[in-house]
C-alpha atoms as a PDB file:
ATOM      1  CA  MET A   1      20.694  13.346 -60.480  1.00  0.00           C
ATOM      2  CA  GLU A   2      19.381  14.278 -57.049  1.00  0.00           C
ATOM      3  CA  SER A   3      21.167  12.449 -54.061  1.00  0.00           C
ATOM      4  CA  LYS A   4      19.142  10.451 -51.714  1.00  0.00           C
ATOM      5  CA  PRO A   5      19.285  11.245 -47.984  1.00  0.00           C
ATOM      6  CA  PRO A   6      21.241   8.680 -45.933  1.00  0.00           C
ATOM      7  CA  SER A   7      19.528   6.541 -43.330  1.00  0.00           C
ATOM      8  CA  SER A   8      15.966   7.433 -44.456  1.00  0.00           C
ATOM      9  CA  THR A   9      13.320   6.562 -41.788  1.00  0.00           C
ATOM     10  CA  ILE A  10       9.734   5.643 -42.049  1.00  0.00           C
ATOM     11  CA  SER A  11       8.814   8.989 -40.971  1.00  0.00           C
ATOM     12  CA  ASP A  12      10.565  10.576 -43.730  1.00  0.00           C
ATOM     13  CA  VAL A  13       8.629   8.333 -46.225  1.00  0.00           C
ATOM     14  CA  ALA A  14       5.348   9.346 -44.542  1.00  0.00           C
ATOM     15  CA  ARG A  15       5.997  13.148 -44.853  1.00  0.00           C
ATOM     16  CA  MET A  16       7.020  12.826 -48.456  1.00  0.00           C
ATOM     17  CA  ALA A  17       3.866  10.782 -49.345  1.00  0.00           C
ATOM     18  CA  GLY A  18       1.677  12.908 -47.185  1.00  0.00           C
ATOM     19  CA  VAL A  19       0.268   9.995 -45.156  1.00  0.00           C
ATOM     20  CA  SER A  20       0.584   8.556 -41.810  1.00  0.00           C
ATOM     21  CA  ILE A  21       3.335   6.161 -40.510  1.00  0.00           C
ATOM     22  CA  ALA A  22       0.675   3.244 -40.142  1.00  0.00           C
ATOM     23  CA  THR A  23      -0.198   3.840 -43.891  1.00  0.00           C
ATOM     24  CA  VAL A  24       3.401   3.496 -44.948  1.00  0.00           C
ATOM     25  CA  SER A  25       3.668   0.268 -42.788  1.00  0.00           C
ATOM     26  CA  ARG A  26       0.498  -1.325 -44.462  1.00  0.00           C
ATOM     27  CA  VAL A  27       1.992  -0.407 -47.902  1.00  0.00           C
ATOM     28  CA  ILE A  28       5.394  -1.759 -47.300  1.00  0.00           C
ATOM     29  CA  HIS A  29       4.139  -4.880 -45.494  1.00  0.00           C
ATOM     30  CA  ASN A  30       1.143  -5.348 -47.856  1.00  0.00           C
ATOM     31  CA  ASN A  31      -1.044  -5.926 -44.787  1.00  0.00           C
ATOM     32  CA  GLY A  32      -3.973  -3.528 -44.965  1.00  0.00           C
ATOM     33  CA  VAL A  33      -6.352  -1.805 -47.019  1.00  0.00           C
ATOM     34  CA  VAL A  34      -4.882   1.306 -48.945  1.00  0.00           C
ATOM     35  CA  SER A  35      -6.046   2.971 -51.840  1.00  0.00           C
ATOM     36  CA  GLU A  36      -4.103   2.508 -55.322  1.00  0.00           C
ATOM     37  CA  GLU A  37      -3.240   6.253 -55.525  1.00  0.00           C
ATOM     38  CA  THR A  38      -1.943   6.307 -51.982  1.00  0.00           C
ATOM     39  CA  ARG A  39       0.081   3.112 -52.438  1.00  0.00           C
ATOM     40  CA  LEU A  40       1.744   4.731 -55.416  1.00  0.00           C
ATOM     41  CA  ARG A  41       2.568   7.806 -53.687  1.00  0.00           C
ATOM     42  CA  VAL A  42       4.338   5.780 -50.913  1.00  0.00           C
ATOM     43  CA  ARG A  43       6.196   3.531 -53.343  1.00  0.00           C
ATOM     44  CA  GLU A  44       7.487   6.578 -55.114  1.00  0.00           C
ATOM     45  CA  ALA A  45       8.584   8.176 -51.651  1.00  0.00           C
ATOM     46  CA  VAL A  46      10.367   4.852 -50.826  1.00  0.00           C
ATOM     47  CA  GLU A  47      12.107   4.798 -54.075  1.00  0.00           C
ATOM     48  CA  HIS A  48      13.074   8.595 -53.940  1.00  0.00           C
ATOM     49  CA  LEU A  49      14.455   8.121 -50.292  1.00  0.00           C
ATOM     50  CA  GLY A  50      16.007   4.858 -50.780  1.00  0.00           C
ATOM     51  CA  TYR A  51      14.322   3.664 -47.657  1.00  0.00           C
ATOM     52  CA  GLN A  52      14.726   0.146 -46.586  1.00  0.00           C
ATOM     53  CA  SER A  53      12.396  -1.509 -44.044  1.00  0.00           C
ATOM     54  CA  ARG A  54      14.016  -3.141 -40.911  1.00  0.00           C
ATOM     55  CA  ARG A  55      11.182  -5.819 -40.719  1.00  0.00           C
ATOM     56  CA  THR A  56      12.117  -9.054 -39.380  1.00  0.00           C
ATOM     57  CA  PRO A  57      12.638 -11.525 -42.455  1.00  0.00           C
ATOM     58  CA  LYS A  58       9.752 -13.778 -42.862  1.00  0.00           C
ATOM     59  CA  LYS A  59      12.191 -16.653 -42.452  1.00  0.00           C
ATOM     60  CA  LEU A  60      12.469 -16.526 -38.801  1.00  0.00           C
ATOM     61  CA  PRO A  61      15.179 -18.634 -36.845  1.00  0.00           C
ATOM     62  CA  ALA A  62      14.212 -21.856 -35.105  1.00  0.00           C
ATOM     63  CA  GLU A  63      13.982 -19.920 -31.968  1.00  0.00           C
ATOM     64  CA  LYS A  64      11.884 -17.008 -31.883  1.00  0.00           C
ATOM     65  CA  ILE A  65      12.737 -14.239 -29.485  1.00  0.00           C
ATOM     66  CA  VAL A  66      10.342 -12.129 -27.314  1.00  0.00           C
ATOM     67  CA  LEU A  67      11.635  -8.940 -25.954  1.00  0.00           C
ATOM     68  CA  LEU A  68      10.507  -7.570 -22.646  1.00  0.00           C
ATOM     69  CA  LEU A  69      11.434  -3.863 -22.050  1.00  0.00           C
ATOM     70  CA  SER A  70      11.120  -2.429 -18.537  1.00  0.00           C
ATOM     71  CA  GLY A  71      12.087   0.818 -17.029  1.00  0.00           C
ATOM     72  CA  ASP A  72      11.845  -0.144 -13.485  1.00  0.00           C
ATOM     73  CA  VAL A  73      13.654  -3.013 -11.598  1.00  0.00           C
ATOM     74  CA  VAL A  74      13.357  -1.677  -7.829  1.00  0.00           C
ATOM     75  CA  ASN A  75       9.678  -1.945  -7.673  1.00  0.00           C
ATOM     76  CA  PRO A  76       8.660  -5.654  -7.054  1.00  0.00           C
ATOM     77  CA  PHE A  77       5.397  -5.115  -9.107  1.00  0.00           C
ATOM     78  CA  PHE A  78       7.411  -5.567 -12.371  1.00  0.00           C
ATOM     79  CA  ALA A  79       9.299  -8.431 -10.988  1.00  0.00           C
ATOM     80  CA  GLU A  80       6.098 -10.426 -10.867  1.00  0.00           C
ATOM     81  CA  ILE A  81       5.169  -9.365 -14.284  1.00  0.00           C
ATOM     82  CA  ILE A  82       8.613 -10.558 -15.484  1.00  0.00           C
ATOM     83  CA  ARG A  83       8.036 -13.905 -13.690  1.00  0.00           C
ATOM     84  CA  GLY A  84       4.738 -14.395 -15.377  1.00  0.00           C
ATOM     85  CA  THR A  85       6.192 -13.768 -18.800  1.00  0.00           C
ATOM     86  CA  GLN A  86       9.121 -16.160 -18.316  1.00  0.00           C
ATOM     87  CA  GLU A  87       6.786 -18.852 -17.015  1.00  0.00           C
ATOM     88  CA  GLU A  88       4.532 -18.599 -19.948  1.00  0.00           C
ATOM     89  CA  ILE A  89       7.537 -18.615 -22.336  1.00  0.00           C
ATOM     90  CA  ASP A  90       8.841 -21.679 -20.669  1.00  0.00           C
ATOM     91  CA  LEU A  91       5.752 -23.533 -21.838  1.00  0.00           C
ATOM     92  CA  GLN A  92       6.444 -22.638 -25.220  1.00  0.00           C
ATOM     93  CA  LYS A  93       8.492 -24.347 -27.819  1.00  0.00           C
ATOM     94  CA  ASN A  94      11.599 -22.640 -29.484  1.00  0.00           C
ATOM     95  CA  VAL A  95      10.941 -19.273 -27.857  1.00  0.00           C
ATOM     96  CA  LEU A  96      13.437 -17.065 -25.948  1.00  0.00           C
ATOM     97  CA  ASN A  97      12.799 -14.154 -23.659  1.00  0.00           C
ATOM     98  CA  ILE A  98      15.352 -11.425 -23.505  1.00  0.00           C
ATOM     99  CA  ILE A  99      14.788  -8.649 -20.943  1.00  0.00           C
ATOM    100  CA  GLN A 100      16.214  -5.266 -21.705  1.00  0.00           C
ATOM    101  CA  ILE A 101      16.121  -2.752 -18.851  1.00  0.00           C
ATOM    102  CA  SER A 102      17.059   0.928 -19.493  1.00  0.00           C
ATOM    103  CA  THR A 103      15.838   4.449 -19.163  1.00  0.00           C
ATOM    104  CA  ASP A 104      17.765   5.357 -22.187  1.00  0.00           C
ATOM    105  CA  HIS A 105      15.375   4.974 -25.046  1.00  0.00           C
ATOM    106  CA  LYS A 106      17.870   5.268 -27.794  1.00  0.00           C
ATOM    107  CA  GLN A 107      19.974   2.652 -26.450  1.00  0.00           C
ATOM    108  CA  LEU A 108      17.149   0.224 -26.205  1.00  0.00           C
ATOM    109  CA  ILE A 109      16.241   0.601 -29.827  1.00  0.00           C
ATOM    110  CA  ARG A 110      19.767   0.172 -30.795  1.00  0.00           C
ATOM    111  CA  THR A 111      19.896  -3.143 -28.682  1.00  0.00           C
ATOM    112  CA  ILE A 112      16.557  -4.437 -29.905  1.00  0.00           C
ATOM    113  CA  SER A 113      17.343  -3.628 -33.658  1.00  0.00           C
ATOM    114  CA  ARG A 114      20.287  -6.054 -33.673  1.00  0.00           C
ATOM    115  CA  LEU A 115      18.193  -8.977 -32.538  1.00  0.00           C
ATOM    116  CA  PRO A 116      15.642 -11.016 -34.750  1.00  0.00           C
ATOM    117  CA  ALA A 117      12.758 -10.410 -32.439  1.00  0.00           C
ATOM    118  CA  SER A 118       9.207 -11.711 -33.094  1.00  0.00           C
ATOM    119  CA  GLY A 119       7.540  -9.299 -30.806  1.00  0.00           C
ATOM    120  CA  VAL A 120       8.095  -6.948 -27.781  1.00  0.00           C
ATOM    121  CA  ILE A 121       6.262  -6.428 -24.499  1.00  0.00           C
ATOM    122  CA  LEU A 122       6.769  -3.141 -22.830  1.00  0.00           C
ATOM    123  CA  THR A 123       6.036  -2.434 -19.152  1.00  0.00           C
ATOM    124  CA  GLY A 124       7.460   0.128 -16.476  1.00  0.00           C
ATOM    125  CA  THR A 125       7.510   2.876 -19.033  1.00  0.00           C
ATOM    126  CA  TYR A 126       5.298   4.782 -21.346  1.00  0.00           C
ATOM    127  CA  PRO A 127       5.270   3.669 -25.013  1.00  0.00           C
ATOM    128  CA  PHE A 128       7.998   6.100 -26.292  1.00  0.00           C
ATOM    129  CA  SER A 129       7.864   7.299 -29.745  1.00  0.00           C
ATOM    130  CA  GLU A 130      11.087   5.713 -30.885  1.00  0.00           C
ATOM    131  CA  LEU A 131       9.789   2.337 -29.979  1.00  0.00           C
ATOM    132  CA  LEU A 132       6.562   2.819 -31.717  1.00  0.00           C
ATOM    133  CA  GLU A 133       8.240   4.020 -35.086  1.00  0.00           C
ATOM    134  CA  TRP A 134      10.798   0.981 -34.702  1.00  0.00           C
ATOM    135  CA  ARG A 135       7.673  -1.321 -34.328  1.00  0.00           C
ATOM    136  CA  GLU A 136       6.058   0.272 -37.536  1.00  0.00           C
ATOM    137  CA  GLU A 137       9.257  -0.264 -39.394  1.00  0.00           C
ATOM    138  CA  ALA A 138       9.932  -3.736 -38.267  1.00  0.00           C
ATOM    139  CA  GLY A 139       6.470  -4.806 -38.837  1.00  0.00           C
ATOM    140  CA  ILE A 140       6.313  -6.946 -35.489  1.00  0.00           C
ATOM    141  CA  PRO A 141       3.561  -6.875 -32.890  1.00  0.00           C
ATOM    142  CA  LEU A 142       3.939  -5.079 -29.586  1.00  0.00           C
ATOM    143  CA  VAL A 143       2.020  -5.678 -26.222  1.00  0.00           C
ATOM    144  CA  VAL A 144       1.937  -2.700 -23.831  1.00  0.00           C
ATOM    145  CA  ILE A 145       1.161  -3.138 -20.173  1.00  0.00           C
ATOM    146  CA  ASN A 146      -0.988  -0.467 -18.469  1.00  0.00           C
ATOM    147  CA  HIS A 147      -0.904   2.024 -21.161  1.00  0.00           C
ATOM    148  CA  ARG A 148      -3.404   2.430 -23.994  1.00  0.00           C
ATOM    149  CA  ILE A 149      -2.107   2.833 -27.566  1.00  0.00           C
ATOM    150  CA  ASN A 150      -4.630   2.833 -30.501  1.00  0.00           C
ATOM    151  CA  GLN A 151      -2.507   1.714 -33.343  1.00  0.00           C
ATOM    152  CA  PRO A 152      -2.632  -1.370 -35.448  1.00  0.00           C
ATOM    153  CA  GLY A 153      -0.217  -4.186 -34.274  1.00  0.00           C
ATOM    154  CA  VAL A 154      -0.382  -3.079 -30.659  1.00  0.00           C
ATOM    155  CA  SER A 155      -2.281  -4.928 -28.012  1.00  0.00           C
ATOM    156  CA  CYS A 156      -2.783  -3.402 -24.588  1.00  0.00           C
ATOM    157  CA  ILE A 157      -3.399  -4.957 -21.209  1.00  0.00           C
ATOM    158  CA  ALA A 158      -4.465  -2.690 -18.427  1.00  0.00           C
ATOM    159  CA  VAL A 159      -6.322  -2.014 -15.050  1.00  0.00           C
ATOM    160  CA  ASP A 160      -9.131   0.405 -14.875  1.00  0.00           C
ATOM    161  CA  PHE A 161      -7.423   2.679 -12.472  1.00  0.00           C
ATOM    162  CA  ARG A 162      -9.899   5.533 -12.344  1.00  0.00           C
ATOM    163  CA  ASP A 163     -12.632   2.985 -10.934  1.00  0.00           C
ATOM    164  CA  ALA A 164     -10.089   1.278  -8.712  1.00  0.00           C
ATOM    165  CA  TYR A 165      -9.096   4.706  -6.979  1.00  0.00           C
ATOM    166  CA  ILE A 166     -12.881   5.631  -6.656  1.00  0.00           C
ATOM    167  CA  ARG A 167     -13.278   2.456  -4.783  1.00  0.00           C
ATOM    168  CA  ALA A 168     -10.269   2.868  -2.688  1.00  0.00           C
ATOM    169  CA  THR A 169     -11.260   6.735  -1.913  1.00  0.00           C
ATOM    170  CA  ARG A 170     -14.802   5.575  -1.121  1.00  0.00           C
ATOM    171  CA  HIS A 171     -13.414   2.963   1.275  1.00  0.00           C
ATOM    172  CA  LEU A 172     -11.779   5.766   3.226  1.00  0.00           C
ATOM    173  CA  ILE A 173     -14.868   8.017   2.933  1.00  0.00           C
ATOM    174  CA  ASP A 174     -17.014   5.311   4.298  1.00  0.00           C
ATOM    175  CA  LEU A 175     -14.705   5.046   7.238  1.00  0.00           C
ATOM    176  CA  GLY A 176     -15.531   8.785   7.937  1.00  0.00           C
ATOM    177  CA  HIS A 177     -12.393  10.459   6.453  1.00  0.00           C
ATOM    178  CA  THR A 178     -12.750  13.785   4.788  1.00  0.00           C
ATOM    179  CA  ARG A 179      -9.265  15.026   4.687  1.00  0.00           C
ATOM    180  CA  ILE A 180      -7.627  12.494   2.382  1.00  0.00           C
ATOM    181  CA  GLY A 181      -4.199  13.147   1.103  1.00  0.00           C
ATOM    182  CA  TYR A 182      -2.942  11.897  -2.045  1.00  0.00           C
ATOM    183  CA  VAL A 183       0.721  11.119  -3.151  1.00  0.00           C
ATOM    184  CA  ASP A 184       1.122  11.064  -6.717  1.00  0.00           C
ATOM    185  CA  VAL A 185       3.876  10.553  -9.420  1.00  0.00           C
ATOM    186  CA  ASN A 186       5.296  13.500 -11.391  1.00  0.00           C
ATOM    187  CA  GLY A 187       4.749  13.509 -15.268  1.00  0.00           C
ATOM    188  CA  GLY A 188       0.980  13.226 -15.715  1.00  0.00           C
ATOM    189  CA  SER A 189       1.132  10.044 -17.731  1.00  0.00           C
ATOM    190  CA  GLU A 190      -2.170   8.420 -18.773  1.00  0.00           C
ATOM    191  CA  ILE A 191      -2.132   6.053 -15.629  1.00  0.00           C
ATOM    192  CA  CYS A 192      -1.174   9.080 -13.310  1.00  0.00           C
ATOM    193  CA  GLN A 193      -4.272  10.908 -14.690  1.00  0.00           C
ATOM    194  CA  ALA A 194      -6.665   8.025 -14.399  1.00  0.00           C
ATOM    195  CA  ARG A 195      -5.755   7.233 -10.783  1.00  0.00           C
ATOM    196  CA  LEU A 196      -5.917  10.955  -9.758  1.00  0.00           C
ATOM    197  CA  GLN A 197      -9.197  11.268 -11.494  1.00  0.00           C
ATOM    198  CA  GLY A 198     -10.632   8.418  -9.584  1.00  0.00           C
ATOM    199  CA  TYR A 199      -9.705  10.080  -6.345  1.00  0.00           C
ATOM    200  CA  LEU A 200     -10.909  13.401  -7.154  1.00  0.00           C
ATOM    201  CA  ASP A 201     -14.550  11.815  -8.530  1.00  0.00           C
ATOM    202  CA  ALA A 202     -14.921  10.129  -5.376  1.00  0.00           C
ATOM    203  CA  LEU A 203     -14.380  13.248  -3.334  1.00  0.00           C
ATOM    204  CA  ASP A 204     -16.788  15.106  -5.597  1.00  0.00           C
ATOM    205  CA  GLU A 205     -19.677  12.496  -5.459  1.00  0.00           C
ATOM    206  CA  SER A 206     -19.371  12.680  -1.833  1.00  0.00           C
ATOM    207  CA  GLY A 207     -19.505  16.520  -1.520  1.00  0.00           C
ATOM    208  CA  ILE A 208     -15.804  16.765  -0.152  1.00  0.00           C
ATOM    209  CA  PRO A 209     -13.863  19.534  -1.487  1.00  0.00           C
ATOM    210  CA  PHE A 210     -10.296  18.894  -2.898  1.00  0.00           C
ATOM    211  CA  ARG A 211      -7.680  20.606  -0.892  1.00  0.00           C
ATOM    212  CA  GLN A 212      -4.499  21.420  -2.892  1.00  0.00           C
ATOM    213  CA  PRO A 213      -2.168  21.184   0.414  1.00  0.00           C
ATOM    214  CA  LEU A 214      -3.248  17.568   0.655  1.00  0.00           C
ATOM    215  CA  TYR A 215      -1.864  16.775  -2.884  1.00  0.00           C
ATOM    216  CA  THR A 216       1.734  16.169  -3.462  1.00  0.00           C
ATOM    217  CA  SER A 217       3.782  14.534  -6.380  1.00  0.00           C
ATOM    218  CA  LEU A 218       7.427  13.273  -6.502  1.00  0.00           C
ATOM    219  CA  PRO A 219       9.555  11.129  -9.064  1.00  0.00           C
ATOM    220  CA  ALA A 220       8.596   7.562  -9.354  1.00  0.00           C
ATOM    221  CA  GLU A 221      12.064   6.382  -8.889  1.00  0.00           C
ATOM    222  CA  THR A 222      12.205   7.796  -5.336  1.00  0.00           C
ATOM    223  CA  HIS A 223      10.197   4.925  -4.229  1.00  0.00           C
ATOM    224  CA  VAL A 224       9.900   4.419  -0.343  1.00  0.00           C
ATOM    225  CA  TYR A 225      12.020   7.486   0.322  1.00  0.00           C
ATOM    226  CA  GLY A 226       9.844   9.612  -1.882  1.00  0.00           C
ATOM    227  CA  GLY A 227       6.655   8.430   0.145  1.00  0.00           C
ATOM    228  CA  PHE A 228       8.488   9.213   3.414  1.00  0.00           C
ATOM    229  CA  GLN A 229       9.292  12.675   2.171  1.00  0.00           C
ATOM    230  CA  ALA A 230       5.842  13.616   0.814  1.00  0.00           C
ATOM    231  CA  ALA A 231       4.168  12.371   3.953  1.00  0.00           C
ATOM    232  CA  GLY A 232       6.581  14.441   5.958  1.00  0.00           C
ATOM    233  CA  ASN A 233       5.319  17.522   4.134  1.00  0.00           C
ATOM    234  CA  LEU A 234       1.686  16.550   4.664  1.00  0.00           C
ATOM    235  CA  LEU A 235       2.105  15.804   8.238  1.00  0.00           C
ATOM    236  CA  THR A 236       3.670  19.183   9.214  1.00  0.00           C
ATOM    237  CA  LEU A 237       0.580  21.065   8.146  1.00  0.00           C
ATOM    238  CA  PRO A 238      -1.541  22.659  10.935  1.00  0.00           C
ATOM    239  CA  PRO A 239      -3.425  19.899  13.058  1.00  0.00           C
ATOM    240  CA  ASP A 240      -6.535  20.971  11.675  1.00  0.00           C
ATOM    241  CA  GLU A 241      -5.407  20.713   8.096  1.00  0.00           C
ATOM    242  CA  GLN A 242      -3.445  17.221   8.151  1.00  0.00           C
ATOM    243  CA  PRO A 243      -4.681  14.395   6.504  1.00  0.00           C
ATOM    244  CA  THR A 244      -6.453  11.628   8.405  1.00  0.00           C
ATOM    245  CA  ALA A 245      -5.816   9.320   5.538  1.00  0.00           C
ATOM    246  CA  VAL A 246      -3.480   9.108   2.585  1.00  0.00           C
ATOM    247  CA  ILE A 247      -3.870   7.272  -0.584  1.00  0.00           C
ATOM    248  CA  THR A 248      -0.736   6.772  -2.825  1.00  0.00           C
ATOM    249  CA  PHE A 249       0.334   6.029  -6.290  1.00  0.00           C
ATOM    250  CA  ASN A 250       1.879   2.663  -5.418  1.00  0.00           C
ATOM    251  CA  ASP A 251       2.676   0.423  -2.489  1.00  0.00           C
ATOM    252  CA  LEU A 252       6.390   1.702  -2.130  1.00  0.00           C
ATOM    253  CA  PHE A 253       5.194   5.191  -1.550  1.00  0.00           C
ATOM    254  CA  ALA A 254       2.465   3.900   0.950  1.00  0.00           C
ATOM    255  CA  LEU A 255       5.466   2.140   2.923  1.00  0.00           C
ATOM    256  CA  GLY A 256       7.304   5.484   3.049  1.00  0.00           C
ATOM    257  CA  VAL A 257       4.241   7.300   4.226  1.00  0.00           C
ATOM    258  CA  MET A 258       3.648   4.842   7.111  1.00  0.00           C
ATOM    259  CA  HIS A 259       7.277   5.024   8.111  1.00  0.00           C
ATOM    260  CA  ALA A 260       6.623   8.939   8.295  1.00  0.00           C
ATOM    261  CA  ALA A 261       3.704   8.528  10.259  1.00  0.00           C
ATOM    262  CA  ARG A 262       5.487   6.583  12.915  1.00  0.00           C
ATOM    263  CA  ALA A 263       8.449   8.974  12.757  1.00  0.00           C
ATOM    264  CA  HIS A 264       5.965  11.812  13.550  1.00  0.00           C
ATOM    265  CA  GLY A 265       4.544   9.890  16.551  1.00  0.00           C
ATOM    266  CA  LEU A 266       1.498   8.957  14.827  1.00  0.00           C
ATOM    267  CA  ARG A 267      -0.271   5.569  14.791  1.00  0.00           C
ATOM    268  CA  VAL A 268      -1.435   3.611  11.731  1.00  0.00           C
ATOM    269  CA  PRO A 269      -4.544   3.498  11.292  1.00  0.00           C
ATOM    270  CA  GLU A 270      -5.673   5.102  14.645  1.00  0.00           C
ATOM    271  CA  ASP A 271      -4.393   8.468  13.623  1.00  0.00           C
ATOM    272  CA  VAL A 272      -3.848   8.074   9.820  1.00  0.00           C
ATOM    273  CA  SER A 273      -4.931   5.436   7.413  1.00  0.00           C
ATOM    274  CA  VAL A 274      -2.944   4.493   4.372  1.00  0.00           C
ATOM    275  CA  VAL A 275      -3.797   3.039   1.062  1.00  0.00           C
ATOM    276  CA  GLY A 276      -1.329   1.676  -1.601  1.00  0.00           C
ATOM    277  CA  CYS A 277      -1.666   0.228  -4.944  1.00  0.00           C
ATOM    278  CA  ASP A 278      -0.154  -2.917  -6.763  1.00  0.00           C
ATOM    279  CA  ASP A 279      -0.211  -5.311  -3.692  1.00  0.00           C
ATOM    280  CA  ILE A 280       3.549  -6.091  -3.781  1.00  0.00           C
ATOM    281  CA  PRO A 281       4.576  -9.026  -1.568  1.00  0.00           C
ATOM    282  CA  MET A 282       5.824  -6.540   1.083  1.00  0.00           C
ATOM    283  CA  ALA A 283       2.271  -5.153   1.337  1.00  0.00           C
ATOM    284  CA  THR A 284       1.162  -8.305   3.236  1.00  0.00           C
ATOM    285  CA  TYR A 285       4.173  -8.157   5.648  1.00  0.00           C
ATOM    286  CA  ALA A 286       4.380  -4.409   6.323  1.00  0.00           C
ATOM    287  CA  TYR A 287       3.343  -3.150   9.749  1.00  0.00           C
ATOM    288  CA  PRO A 288       0.555  -3.028   9.973  1.00  0.00           C
ATOM    289  CA  PRO A 289      -0.393  -5.001   6.708  1.00  0.00           C
ATOM    290  CA  LEU A 290      -1.335  -2.463   4.051  1.00  0.00           C
ATOM    291  CA  THR A 291      -4.663  -2.003   2.355  1.00  0.00           C
ATOM    292  CA  THR A 292      -4.025  -1.626  -1.236  1.00  0.00           C
ATOM    293  CA  ILE A 293      -5.413  -2.113  -4.789  1.00  0.00           C
ATOM    294  CA  GLY A 294      -4.574  -5.335  -6.253  1.00  0.00           C
ATOM    295  CA  GLN A 295      -3.303  -6.040  -9.702  1.00  0.00           C
ATOM    296  CA  PRO A 296      -2.950  -9.585 -11.013  1.00  0.00           C
ATOM    297  CA  LYS A 297       0.736  -8.984 -11.940  1.00  0.00           C
ATOM    298  CA  TYR A 298       1.764 -12.605 -12.558  1.00  0.00           C
ATOM    299  CA  ARG A 299      -1.328 -13.260 -14.757  1.00  0.00           C
ATOM    300  CA  ILE A 300      -0.795 -10.155 -16.691  1.00  0.00           C
ATOM    301  CA  GLY A 301       2.801 -11.379 -17.488  1.00  0.00           C
ATOM    302  CA  LYS A 302       1.525 -14.459 -18.783  1.00  0.00           C
ATOM    303  CA  LEU A 303      -1.457 -13.057 -20.801  1.00  0.00           C
ATOM    304  CA  ALA A 304       1.168 -10.591 -22.580  1.00  0.00           C
ATOM    305  CA  VAL A 305       3.077 -13.581 -23.686  1.00  0.00           C
ATOM    306  CA  SER A 306       0.110 -15.381 -24.883  1.00  0.00           C
ATOM    307  CA  THR A 307      -1.303 -12.353 -26.698  1.00  0.00           C
ATOM    308  CA  LEU A 308       1.997 -11.644 -28.347  1.00  0.00           C
ATOM    309  CA  LEU A 309       2.353 -15.118 -29.683  1.00  0.00           C
ATOM    310  CA  GLN A 310      -1.001 -15.142 -31.057  1.00  0.00           C
ATOM    311  CA  MET A 311      -0.459 -12.036 -32.787  1.00  0.00           C
ATOM    312  CA  CYS A 312       2.789 -13.363 -34.307  1.00  0.00           C
ATOM    313  CA  GLN A 313       0.920 -16.646 -35.512  1.00  0.00           C
ATOM    314  CA  ASP A 314      -2.369 -15.198 -36.685  1.00  0.00           C
ATOM    315  CA  ALA A 315      -2.545 -12.345 -39.188  1.00  0.00           C
ATOM    316  CA  SER A 316      -6.231 -11.708 -38.218  1.00  0.00           C
ATOM    317  CA  ASP A 317      -4.972 -10.655 -34.757  1.00  0.00           C
ATOM    318  CA  GLN A 318      -2.605  -8.007 -36.167  1.00  0.00           C
ATOM    319  CA  ALA A 319      -5.134  -5.233 -35.565  1.00  0.00           C
ATOM    320  CA  GLY A 320      -4.346  -5.505 -31.777  1.00  0.00           C
ATOM    321  CA  SER A 321      -6.650  -5.734 -28.793  1.00  0.00           C
ATOM    322  CA  TYR A 322      -7.466  -4.175 -25.531  1.00  0.00           C
ATOM    323  CA  THR A 323      -7.955  -6.157 -22.253  1.00  0.00           C
ATOM    324  CA  LEU A 324      -9.047  -4.835 -19.012  1.00  0.00           C
ATOM    325  CA  MET A 325      -8.040  -6.941 -15.912  1.00  0.00           C
ATOM    326  CA  GLU A 326      -9.630  -6.826 -12.399  1.00  0.00           C
ATOM    327  CA  SER A 327      -8.268  -4.638  -9.693  1.00  0.00           C
ATOM    328  CA  PRO A 328      -9.907  -5.673  -6.271  1.00  0.00           C
ATOM    329  CA  LEU A 329      -9.384  -3.425  -3.121  1.00  0.00           C
ATOM    330  CA  ILE A 330      -7.585  -5.589  -0.674  1.00  0.00           C
ATOM    331  CA  ILE A 331      -8.414  -4.355   2.837  1.00  0.00           C
ATOM    332  CA  ARG A 332      -5.959  -4.913   5.530  1.00  0.00           C
ATOM    333  CA  GLU A 333      -5.185  -3.288   8.911  1.00  0.00           C
ATOM    334  CA  SER A 334      -3.568   0.042   7.584  1.00  0.00           C
ATOM    335  CA  THR A 335      -7.116   1.707   7.325  1.00  0.00           C
ATOM    336  CA  GLY A 336      -9.565   2.308  10.095  1.00  0.00           C
ATOM    337  CA  ARG A 337     -12.159   4.668  11.190  1.00  0.00           C
ATOM    338  CA  CYS A 338     -11.553   8.307  11.582  1.00  0.00           C
ATOM    339  CA  HIS A 339     -11.513   9.440  15.123  1.00  0.00           C
ATOM    340  CA  GLN A 340     -10.884  13.255  14.492  1.00  0.00           C
ATOM    341  CA  SER A 341     -13.361  15.859  13.538  1.00  0.00           C
END
């Protein structure tokens, strides 16, 4: 008799049955339309491999658990989201919030696998493959913030960053700036691409050529220091090539850019205008106050919880949803008219 492989996963079943992981999940949890032939193949693969689903039992504990995963605690942006989730959970009965913060994806999965979670909220990191596979196996809903995942059982809450960065770049162009620098995050994630595309589209529609020396990227975890370092590179370009304005991936980078400008003897906004993104509390109290793209962080956190709990309670919501939030451009004193030719 052929031996069964140990610790089979849902991916193993999908490969053997020749179907997707989502199809295996629908067969195992009996919550979707699957042909009888496919259902039979999946069940045969499950039996052959000895696969056992890690789905949360239907009889949940009196206290449901919502897990919030975050890959960043330094940026105050995520603290506001977490505050929103916690306050929304405080309004519920018998619901606990457990926050797991780590950049080690395998450790996160090991931790959450030991808990009887009813659902998961993800922010601060991209929806990594191990989490998506674990969610399929566990059969519980997932809410993702600022990333778009088109899978059953996953809801997404996001901001239209392309549109937001078009508006922010247009604001600088309307002030007479044509040499506009951009400080990006390494990695090329979906939200990185959307923000950069908005910047590029705004330049293109105004007939302003993209200048490669005015673009720089760095790791997200470098925060304010990274913005300072990136701006230092931009501000050491020849005088007729230096940016008269800089737009950044987030507010922490923008604060570093303003500090670097002052270190180079430049004034903000008289010599260089600066735009950030997120509208963290420090943006209002920066010197000068920072022009930035706002995100409704607190409301995003509250909406994430209410969306997740609705998915837990109503089977008709298991397909998931996609919600776009507003992103106003908040104009403060860090941007002004260009006085250079």
